Amino acid sequence: MTVMINAARKASRGLRRDFGEIENLQVSRKGPGDFVTNADKRTEKILREELGKARPAYGLLGEEGGLVKGSDPDHRWLVDPIDGTTNFIHGVPFIAISIALERKGEIIAALTYNPMMDELFTAERGRGAFLNERRRLRVSARRDLADALLGCGLPHDAADDPDRFNRELAALQGRSGGFRRTGSACLDLAFVAAGRFDGYWERGLKPWDVAAGSLLVREAGGRLLDLDGKPDPVVTGNVLAANAELFDELSKRLRAAG
């Protein structure tokens, strides 16, 4: 965990600097798109270097650089250098660096860090989840869906089946306390772990979007499964996370709508 935290904090220095430049780039005709792409690549490069120094035998799967296999077949890092790139482009401070450590296919350590708000969510298997290494995280205790605040993702194009999402949304709209869309799956899952969201669902995610958050939610006492009942949402990318009291009802309604 110390290795992960040090890598995330080092990579975040450049991100905070780059984020400060976004406001100036918004007024240019070209916009900040290329600038943010470069920031994404630089951040992942730093993470790869720092994690590699500490654990040179581990493999690493990253959003930008893909999979680099290590000599140790049992361990690999899963890294998202900037989750919430669109937020970053527009100067919205909901972004995250995400790092997870996988051992023999199981996530054993996780980190999600929002450098703009200096919120560090961490978890180790069997040791709980924490905010800024001090406050223990617990999922919410709400039992009534009518009181629940739910996070969700939005489909980007026709390939993401927007009709199914609209059916899922309709199945919960009017029955829940409200919906939020942060634009960062990593933060959505961290918010479930912290009790800020009572539940969250999204389809079409990548392993690095789900890996860290899956452990955060479980170590905070929540439940997290594939939306369609398949074994591993880190693999499928279709995730439902919630507190234990609301999980079954959310799952039932979403499956019926799908």
C-alpha atoms as a PDB file:
ATOM      1  CA  MET A   1       0.000   0.000   0.000  1.00  0.00           C
ATOM      2  CA  THR A   2       2.840   2.388   0.730  1.00  0.00           C
ATOM      3  CA  VAL A   3       4.196   1.776  -2.757  1.00  0.00           C
ATOM      4  CA  MET A   4       0.798   2.525  -4.293  1.00  0.00           C
ATOM      5  CA  ILE A   5       0.250   5.690  -2.261  1.00  0.00           C
ATOM      6  CA  ASN A   6       3.700   7.065  -3.071  1.00  0.00           C
ATOM      7  CA  ALA A   7       3.215   6.386  -6.781  1.00  0.00           C
ATOM      8  CA  ALA A   8      -0.213   8.056  -6.836  1.00  0.00           C
ATOM      9  CA  ARG A   9       0.970  11.132  -4.972  1.00  0.00           C
ATOM     10  CA  LYS A  10       3.992  11.565  -7.222  1.00  0.00           C
ATOM     11  CA  ALA A  11       1.853  11.236 -10.360  1.00  0.00           C
ATOM     12  CA  SER A  12      -0.715  13.670  -8.959  1.00  0.00           C
ATOM     13  CA  ARG A  13       1.726  16.588  -8.834  1.00  0.00           C
ATOM     14  CA  GLY A  14       1.751  16.938 -12.585  1.00  0.00           C
ATOM     15  CA  LEU A  15      -1.994  16.400 -12.776  1.00  0.00           C
ATOM     16  CA  ARG A  16      -2.709  19.271 -10.406  1.00  0.00           C
ATOM     17  CA  ARG A  17      -0.410  21.503 -12.430  1.00  0.00           C
ATOM     18  CA  ASP A  18      -2.050  20.445 -15.688  1.00  0.00           C
ATOM     19  CA  PHE A  19      -5.516  20.925 -14.233  1.00  0.00           C
ATOM     20  CA  GLY A  20      -4.593  24.502 -13.454  1.00  0.00           C
ATOM     21  CA  GLU A  21      -3.891  25.093 -17.143  1.00  0.00           C
ATOM     22  CA  ILE A  22      -7.252  23.798 -18.341  1.00  0.00           C
ATOM     23  CA  GLU A  23      -9.091  27.074 -17.731  1.00  0.00           C
ATOM     24  CA  ASN A  24      -6.712  28.866 -20.074  1.00  0.00           C
ATOM     25  CA  LEU A  25      -7.118  26.215 -22.757  1.00  0.00           C
ATOM     26  CA  GLN A  26     -10.917  26.275 -22.666  1.00  0.00           C
ATOM     27  CA  VAL A  27     -10.991  29.562 -24.562  1.00  0.00           C
ATOM     28  CA  SER A  28      -8.771  28.336 -27.398  1.00  0.00           C
ATOM     29  CA  ARG A  29     -10.326  27.142 -30.643  1.00  0.00           C
ATOM     30  CA  LYS A  30      -8.451  23.859 -30.572  1.00  0.00           C
ATOM     31  CA  GLY A  31      -9.469  23.161 -26.996  1.00  0.00           C
ATOM     32  CA  PRO A  32      -7.636  21.112 -24.404  1.00  0.00           C
ATOM     33  CA  GLY A  33      -8.144  17.635 -25.921  1.00  0.00           C
ATOM     34  CA  ASP A  34      -4.556  16.969 -27.031  1.00  0.00           C
ATOM     35  CA  PHE A  35      -3.219  18.532 -23.856  1.00  0.00           C
ATOM     36  CA  VAL A  36      -5.245  16.137 -21.691  1.00  0.00           C
ATOM     37  CA  THR A  37      -4.263  13.114 -23.787  1.00  0.00           C
ATOM     38  CA  ASN A  38      -0.628  13.963 -23.122  1.00  0.00           C
ATOM     39  CA  ALA A  39      -1.350  14.438 -19.412  1.00  0.00           C
ATOM     40  CA  ASP A  40      -2.966  10.990 -19.354  1.00  0.00           C
ATOM     41  CA  LYS A  41       0.095   9.374 -20.919  1.00  0.00           C
ATOM     42  CA  ARG A  42       2.539  11.232 -18.672  1.00  0.00           C
ATOM     43  CA  THR A  43       0.627  10.202 -15.567  1.00  0.00           C
ATOM     44  CA  GLU A  44       0.585   6.534 -16.538  1.00  0.00           C
ATOM     45  CA  LYS A  45       4.294   6.694 -17.365  1.00  0.00           C
ATOM     46  CA  ILE A  46       5.055   7.946 -13.851  1.00  0.00           C
ATOM     47  CA  LEU A  47       2.847   5.265 -12.299  1.00  0.00           C
ATOM     48  CA  ARG A  48       4.502   2.522 -14.355  1.00  0.00           C
ATOM     49  CA  GLU A  49       7.966   3.750 -13.396  1.00  0.00           C
ATOM     50  CA  GLU A  50       7.229   4.089  -9.685  1.00  0.00           C
ATOM     51  CA  LEU A  51       5.401   0.774  -9.356  1.00  0.00           C
ATOM     52  CA  GLY A  52       8.036  -0.932 -11.480  1.00  0.00           C
ATOM     53  CA  LYS A  53      10.872   0.313  -9.294  1.00  0.00           C
ATOM     54  CA  ALA A  54       9.270  -1.145  -6.207  1.00  0.00           C
ATOM     55  CA  ARG A  55       7.982  -4.388  -7.738  1.00  0.00           C
ATOM     56  CA  PRO A  56       9.888  -4.997 -10.985  1.00  0.00           C
ATOM     57  CA  ALA A  57       8.580  -8.546 -11.436  1.00  0.00           C
ATOM     58  CA  TYR A  58       4.900  -7.578 -11.447  1.00  0.00           C
ATOM     59  CA  GLY A  59       2.936  -7.162 -14.665  1.00  0.00           C
ATOM     60  CA  LEU A  60       0.847  -4.046 -15.299  1.00  0.00           C
ATOM     61  CA  LEU A  61      -2.385  -3.450 -17.195  1.00  0.00           C
ATOM     62  CA  GLY A  62      -2.952   0.243 -17.891  1.00  0.00           C
ATOM     63  CA  GLU A  63      -5.517   2.220 -19.844  1.00  0.00           C
ATOM     64  CA  GLU A  64      -2.931   3.919 -22.051  1.00  0.00           C
ATOM     65  CA  GLY A  65      -0.141   1.364 -22.389  1.00  0.00           C
ATOM     66  CA  GLY A  66      -2.091  -1.879 -22.287  1.00  0.00           C
ATOM     67  CA  LEU A  67      -0.671  -5.013 -20.689  1.00  0.00           C
ATOM     68  CA  VAL A  68       3.010  -5.458 -19.926  1.00  0.00           C
ATOM     69  CA  LYS A  69       3.608  -8.939 -18.545  1.00  0.00           C
ATOM     70  CA  GLY A  70       5.991  -9.440 -15.646  1.00  0.00           C
ATOM     71  CA  SER A  71       8.184 -12.355 -14.683  1.00  0.00           C
ATOM     72  CA  ASP A  72       5.918 -12.957 -11.678  1.00  0.00           C
ATOM     73  CA  PRO A  73       2.806 -14.677 -13.126  1.00  0.00           C
ATOM     74  CA  ASP A  74       0.772 -14.272  -9.945  1.00  0.00           C
ATOM     75  CA  HIS A  75       0.796 -10.484  -9.550  1.00  0.00           C
ATOM     76  CA  ARG A  76      -0.161  -7.541 -11.696  1.00  0.00           C
ATOM     77  CA  TRP A  77      -1.144  -3.912 -11.260  1.00  0.00           C
ATOM     78  CA  LEU A  78      -4.294  -2.463 -12.845  1.00  0.00           C
ATOM     79  CA  VAL A  79      -3.908   1.265 -13.409  1.00  0.00           C
ATOM     80  CA  ASP A  80      -6.127   4.098 -14.619  1.00  0.00           C
ATOM     81  CA  PRO A  81      -4.072   7.326 -14.765  1.00  0.00           C
ATOM     82  CA  ILE A  82      -7.014   9.712 -15.204  1.00  0.00           C
ATOM     83  CA  ASP A  83     -10.485   8.323 -14.679  1.00  0.00           C
ATOM     84  CA  GLY A  84     -12.868  11.094 -15.652  1.00  0.00           C
ATOM     85  CA  THR A  85     -10.951  12.442 -18.632  1.00  0.00           C
ATOM     86  CA  THR A  86     -13.953  14.378 -19.932  1.00  0.00           C
ATOM     87  CA  ASN A  87     -14.276  16.048 -16.536  1.00  0.00           C
ATOM     88  CA  PHE A  88     -10.591  16.925 -16.712  1.00  0.00           C
ATOM     89  CA  ILE A  89     -11.003  18.438 -20.187  1.00  0.00           C
ATOM     90  CA  HIS A  90     -13.766  20.705 -18.904  1.00  0.00           C
ATOM     91  CA  GLY A  91     -12.127  21.647 -15.628  1.00  0.00           C
ATOM     92  CA  VAL A  92     -14.525  19.604 -13.480  1.00  0.00           C
ATOM     93  CA  PRO A  93     -12.637  18.321 -10.429  1.00  0.00           C
ATOM     94  CA  PHE A  94     -14.167  14.821 -10.334  1.00  0.00           C
ATOM     95  CA  ILE A  95     -11.167  12.832 -11.531  1.00  0.00           C
ATOM     96  CA  ALA A  96      -9.191   9.968 -10.040  1.00  0.00           C
ATOM     97  CA  ILE A  97      -5.977   8.026 -10.220  1.00  0.00           C
ATOM     98  CA  SER A  98      -6.788   4.368  -9.631  1.00  0.00           C
ATOM     99  CA  ILE A  99      -4.392   1.533  -8.775  1.00  0.00           C
ATOM    100  CA  ALA A 100      -5.267  -2.054  -7.850  1.00  0.00           C
ATOM    101  CA  LEU A 101      -3.026  -5.017  -7.109  1.00  0.00           C
ATOM    102  CA  GLU A 102      -4.216  -8.396  -8.322  1.00  0.00           C
ATOM    103  CA  ARG A 103      -2.867 -11.689  -6.970  1.00  0.00           C
ATOM    104  CA  LYS A 104      -3.851 -14.866  -8.824  1.00  0.00           C
ATOM    105  CA  GLY A 105      -6.908 -13.137 -10.250  1.00  0.00           C
ATOM    106  CA  GLU A 106      -8.085 -11.615  -6.958  1.00  0.00           C
ATOM    107  CA  ILE A 107      -7.820  -7.936  -6.013  1.00  0.00           C
ATOM    108  CA  ILE A 108      -5.911  -7.681  -2.731  1.00  0.00           C
ATOM    109  CA  ALA A 109      -5.095  -3.945  -2.496  1.00  0.00           C
ATOM    110  CA  ALA A 110      -6.786  -0.867  -3.932  1.00  0.00           C
ATOM    111  CA  LEU A 111      -6.350   2.870  -4.184  1.00  0.00           C
ATOM    112  CA  THR A 112      -8.523   5.613  -5.681  1.00  0.00           C
ATOM    113  CA  TYR A 113      -7.155   9.143  -5.340  1.00  0.00           C
ATOM    114  CA  ASN A 114      -8.822  12.415  -6.315  1.00  0.00           C
ATOM    115  CA  PRO A 115      -5.868  14.841  -6.388  1.00  0.00           C
ATOM    116  CA  MET A 116      -8.099  17.887  -6.861  1.00  0.00           C
ATOM    117  CA  MET A 117      -9.853  17.287  -3.536  1.00  0.00           C
ATOM    118  CA  ASP A 118      -6.987  15.392  -1.897  1.00  0.00           C
ATOM    119  CA  GLU A 119      -9.226  12.435  -1.077  1.00  0.00           C
ATOM    120  CA  LEU A 120      -7.398   9.127  -0.881  1.00  0.00           C
ATOM    121  CA  PHE A 121      -9.546   5.979  -0.707  1.00  0.00           C
ATOM    122  CA  THR A 122      -7.618   2.792   0.122  1.00  0.00           C
ATOM    123  CA  ALA A 123      -8.387  -0.817   0.969  1.00  0.00           C
ATOM    124  CA  GLU A 124      -6.539  -4.047   1.633  1.00  0.00           C
ATOM    125  CA  ARG A 125      -8.275  -7.405   1.596  1.00  0.00           C
ATOM    126  CA  GLY A 126      -9.372  -8.334   5.089  1.00  0.00           C
ATOM    127  CA  ARG A 127      -8.181  -5.052   6.605  1.00  0.00           C
ATOM    128  CA  GLY A 128     -10.987  -2.652   5.766  1.00  0.00           C
ATOM    129  CA  ALA A 129     -11.258   0.498   3.674  1.00  0.00           C
ATOM    130  CA  PHE A 130     -10.176   4.003   4.653  1.00  0.00           C
ATOM    131  CA  LEU A 131     -10.344   7.648   3.608  1.00  0.00           C
ATOM    132  CA  ASN A 132      -7.025   9.500   3.853  1.00  0.00           C
ATOM    133  CA  GLU A 133      -5.610   6.579   5.868  1.00  0.00           C
ATOM    134  CA  ARG A 134      -7.503   7.678   8.977  1.00  0.00           C
ATOM    135  CA  ARG A 135     -11.278   7.405   8.675  1.00  0.00           C
ATOM    136  CA  ARG A 136     -12.669   3.913   8.269  1.00  0.00           C
ATOM    137  CA  LEU A 137     -15.175   3.647   5.446  1.00  0.00           C
ATOM    138  CA  ARG A 138     -18.593   2.071   5.841  1.00  0.00           C
ATOM    139  CA  VAL A 139     -21.364   1.768   3.286  1.00  0.00           C
ATOM    140  CA  SER A 140     -24.633   3.456   4.163  1.00  0.00           C
ATOM    141  CA  ALA A 141     -27.286   1.761   6.287  1.00  0.00           C
ATOM    142  CA  ARG A 142     -30.333   2.942   4.337  1.00  0.00           C
ATOM    143  CA  ARG A 143     -32.946   0.237   3.820  1.00  0.00           C
ATOM    144  CA  ASP A 144     -35.635   2.118   1.899  1.00  0.00           C
ATOM    145  CA  LEU A 145     -35.045   2.631  -1.818  1.00  0.00           C
ATOM    146  CA  ALA A 146     -37.154   5.790  -1.647  1.00  0.00           C
ATOM    147  CA  ASP A 147     -34.426   7.384   0.471  1.00  0.00           C
ATOM    148  CA  ALA A 148     -31.497   6.093  -1.592  1.00  0.00           C
ATOM    149  CA  LEU A 149     -29.160   8.260  -3.650  1.00  0.00           C
ATOM    150  CA  LEU A 150     -27.902   6.246  -6.617  1.00  0.00           C
ATOM    151  CA  GLY A 151     -24.925   6.775  -8.886  1.00  0.00           C
ATOM    152  CA  CYS A 152     -25.028   5.637 -12.493  1.00  0.00           C
ATOM    153  CA  GLY A 153     -23.113   5.749 -15.741  1.00  0.00           C
ATOM    154  CA  LEU A 154     -24.475   6.952 -19.073  1.00  0.00           C
ATOM    155  CA  PRO A 155     -24.099   5.154 -22.411  1.00  0.00           C
ATOM    156  CA  HIS A 156     -21.827   7.009 -24.827  1.00  0.00           C
ATOM    157  CA  ASP A 157     -23.170   5.722 -28.147  1.00  0.00           C
ATOM    158  CA  ALA A 158     -25.516   3.219 -29.775  1.00  0.00           C
ATOM    159  CA  ALA A 159     -23.096   0.363 -29.123  1.00  0.00           C
ATOM    160  CA  ASP A 160     -23.645   0.877 -25.395  1.00  0.00           C
ATOM    161  CA  ASP A 161     -27.388   0.100 -25.762  1.00  0.00           C
ATOM    162  CA  PRO A 162     -28.965   3.360 -24.559  1.00  0.00           C
ATOM    163  CA  ASP A 163     -32.436   1.795 -24.776  1.00  0.00           C
ATOM    164  CA  ARG A 164     -31.531  -0.720 -22.088  1.00  0.00           C
ATOM    165  CA  PHE A 165     -30.128   2.037 -19.895  1.00  0.00           C
ATOM    166  CA  ASN A 166     -33.352   4.014 -20.326  1.00  0.00           C
ATOM    167  CA  ARG A 167     -35.353   0.980 -19.218  1.00  0.00           C
ATOM    168  CA  GLU A 168     -33.104   0.517 -16.190  1.00  0.00           C
ATOM    169  CA  LEU A 169     -33.391   4.179 -15.277  1.00  0.00           C
ATOM    170  CA  ALA A 170     -37.177   4.053 -15.634  1.00  0.00           C
ATOM    171  CA  ALA A 171     -37.281   1.013 -13.340  1.00  0.00           C
ATOM    172  CA  LEU A 172     -35.755   3.066 -10.533  1.00  0.00           C
ATOM    173  CA  GLN A 173     -36.965   6.580 -11.325  1.00  0.00           C
ATOM    174  CA  GLY A 174     -39.683   7.692  -8.968  1.00  0.00           C
ATOM    175  CA  ARG A 175     -38.814   4.856  -6.602  1.00  0.00           C
ATOM    176  CA  SER A 176     -35.448   6.166  -5.385  1.00  0.00           C
ATOM    177  CA  GLY A 177     -34.311   9.349  -3.714  1.00  0.00           C
ATOM    178  CA  GLY A 178     -32.372  10.575  -6.760  1.00  0.00           C
ATOM    179  CA  PHE A 179     -29.566   9.961  -9.212  1.00  0.00           C
ATOM    180  CA  ARG A 180     -26.061  11.347  -9.666  1.00  0.00           C
ATOM    181  CA  ARG A 181     -23.544  11.019 -12.503  1.00  0.00           C
ATOM    182  CA  THR A 182     -19.996  11.999 -11.518  1.00  0.00           C
ATOM    183  CA  GLY A 183     -18.286  11.003 -14.773  1.00  0.00           C
ATOM    184  CA  SER A 184     -15.776   8.797 -12.940  1.00  0.00           C
ATOM    185  CA  ALA A 185     -16.603   5.155 -12.283  1.00  0.00           C
ATOM    186  CA  CYS A 186     -13.687   4.914  -9.854  1.00  0.00           C
ATOM    187  CA  LEU A 187     -15.128   7.721  -7.735  1.00  0.00           C
ATOM    188  CA  ASP A 188     -18.666   6.345  -7.997  1.00  0.00           C
ATOM    189  CA  LEU A 189     -17.511   3.096  -6.421  1.00  0.00           C
ATOM    190  CA  ALA A 190     -15.486   4.948  -3.787  1.00  0.00           C
ATOM    191  CA  PHE A 191     -18.586   7.007  -2.968  1.00  0.00           C
ATOM    192  CA  VAL A 192     -20.573   3.795  -2.387  1.00  0.00           C
ATOM    193  CA  ALA A 193     -17.825   2.616  -0.032  1.00  0.00           C
ATOM    194  CA  ALA A 194     -17.956   5.949   1.795  1.00  0.00           C
ATOM    195  CA  GLY A 195     -21.751   5.871   2.152  1.00  0.00           C
ATOM    196  CA  ARG A 196     -22.200   8.925  -0.071  1.00  0.00           C
ATOM    197  CA  PHE A 197     -24.066   6.841  -2.646  1.00  0.00           C
ATOM    198  CA  ASP A 198     -26.328   4.026  -1.521  1.00  0.00           C
ATOM    199  CA  GLY A 199     -25.884   2.196  -4.812  1.00  0.00           C
ATOM    200  CA  TYR A 200     -24.349   2.489  -8.267  1.00  0.00           C
ATOM    201  CA  TRP A 201     -24.625   0.674 -11.578  1.00  0.00           C
ATOM    202  CA  GLU A 202     -22.941   0.960 -14.946  1.00  0.00           C
ATOM    203  CA  ARG A 203     -22.215  -1.184 -17.994  1.00  0.00           C
ATOM    204  CA  GLY A 204     -19.312  -1.330 -20.414  1.00  0.00           C
ATOM    205  CA  LEU A 205     -16.499  -0.512 -18.005  1.00  0.00           C
ATOM    206  CA  LYS A 206     -12.880  -1.650 -18.272  1.00  0.00           C
ATOM    207  CA  PRO A 207     -10.974  -3.699 -15.666  1.00  0.00           C
ATOM    208  CA  TRP A 208      -9.041  -0.648 -14.442  1.00  0.00           C
ATOM    209  CA  ASP A 209     -12.346   1.194 -13.879  1.00  0.00           C
ATOM    210  CA  VAL A 210     -13.720  -1.496 -11.560  1.00  0.00           C
ATOM    211  CA  ALA A 211     -10.737  -3.229  -9.922  1.00  0.00           C
ATOM    212  CA  ALA A 212      -9.907  -0.812  -7.101  1.00  0.00           C
ATOM    213  CA  GLY A 213     -13.508   0.145  -6.416  1.00  0.00           C
ATOM    214  CA  SER A 214     -14.593  -3.471  -6.132  1.00  0.00           C
ATOM    215  CA  LEU A 215     -12.329  -3.989  -3.133  1.00  0.00           C
ATOM    216  CA  LEU A 216     -13.215  -0.622  -1.596  1.00  0.00           C
ATOM    217  CA  VAL A 217     -16.919  -1.492  -1.633  1.00  0.00           C
ATOM    218  CA  ARG A 218     -16.475  -4.994  -0.242  1.00  0.00           C
ATOM    219  CA  GLU A 219     -14.069  -3.933   2.495  1.00  0.00           C
ATOM    220  CA  ALA A 220     -16.527  -1.181   3.494  1.00  0.00           C
ATOM    221  CA  GLY A 221     -19.232  -3.803   4.008  1.00  0.00           C
ATOM    222  CA  GLY A 222     -21.034  -3.468   0.693  1.00  0.00           C
ATOM    223  CA  ARG A 223     -21.886  -5.883  -2.079  1.00  0.00           C
ATOM    224  CA  LEU A 224     -20.635  -5.763  -5.651  1.00  0.00           C
ATOM    225  CA  LEU A 225     -21.522  -8.161  -8.467  1.00  0.00           C
ATOM    226  CA  ASP A 226     -21.987  -8.310 -12.199  1.00  0.00           C
ATOM    227  CA  LEU A 227     -25.317  -6.787 -13.263  1.00  0.00           C
ATOM    228  CA  ASP A 228     -26.344  -9.952 -15.092  1.00  0.00           C
ATOM    229  CA  GLY A 229     -25.179 -12.461 -12.494  1.00  0.00           C
ATOM    230  CA  LYS A 230     -21.895 -13.418 -14.154  1.00  0.00           C
ATOM    231  CA  PRO A 231     -18.945 -14.246 -11.898  1.00  0.00           C
ATOM    232  CA  ASP A 232     -16.629 -11.223 -12.059  1.00  0.00           C
ATOM    233  CA  PRO A 233     -17.601  -7.591 -12.812  1.00  0.00           C
ATOM    234  CA  VAL A 234     -13.913  -6.666 -13.139  1.00  0.00           C
ATOM    235  CA  VAL A 235     -13.881  -8.915 -16.209  1.00  0.00           C
ATOM    236  CA  THR A 236     -17.360  -8.205 -17.599  1.00  0.00           C
ATOM    237  CA  GLY A 237     -17.377  -4.459 -16.893  1.00  0.00           C
ATOM    238  CA  ASN A 238     -21.069  -4.522 -15.930  1.00  0.00           C
ATOM    239  CA  VAL A 239     -21.249  -3.615 -12.276  1.00  0.00           C
ATOM    240  CA  LEU A 240     -23.799  -3.164  -9.520  1.00  0.00           C
ATOM    241  CA  ALA A 241     -22.589  -1.996  -6.101  1.00  0.00           C
ATOM    242  CA  ALA A 242     -24.720  -1.154  -3.075  1.00  0.00           C
ATOM    243  CA  ASN A 243     -25.137  -1.624   0.629  1.00  0.00           C
ATOM    244  CA  ALA A 244     -26.378  -5.054   1.659  1.00  0.00           C
ATOM    245  CA  GLU A 245     -29.876  -3.805   2.505  1.00  0.00           C
ATOM    246  CA  LEU A 246     -30.609  -2.410  -0.966  1.00  0.00           C
ATOM    247  CA  PHE A 247     -28.550  -4.690  -3.198  1.00  0.00           C
ATOM    248  CA  ASP A 248     -31.134  -7.409  -3.836  1.00  0.00           C
ATOM    249  CA  GLU A 249     -33.939  -4.979  -4.645  1.00  0.00           C
ATOM    250  CA  LEU A 250     -31.733  -2.983  -7.005  1.00  0.00           C
ATOM    251  CA  SER A 251     -30.529  -6.151  -8.680  1.00  0.00           C
ATOM    252  CA  LYS A 252     -34.057  -7.463  -9.138  1.00  0.00           C
ATOM    253  CA  ARG A 253     -35.363  -4.230 -10.664  1.00  0.00           C
ATOM    254  CA  LEU A 254     -32.380  -3.725 -12.975  1.00  0.00           C
ATOM    255  CA  ARG A 255     -32.430  -7.309 -14.243  1.00  0.00           C
ATOM    256  CA  ALA A 256     -36.150  -7.131 -14.926  1.00  0.00           C
ATOM    257  CA  ALA A 257     -35.645  -3.933 -16.905  1.00  0.00           C
ATOM    258  CA  GLY A 258     -32.682  -5.295 -18.914  1.00  0.00           C
END
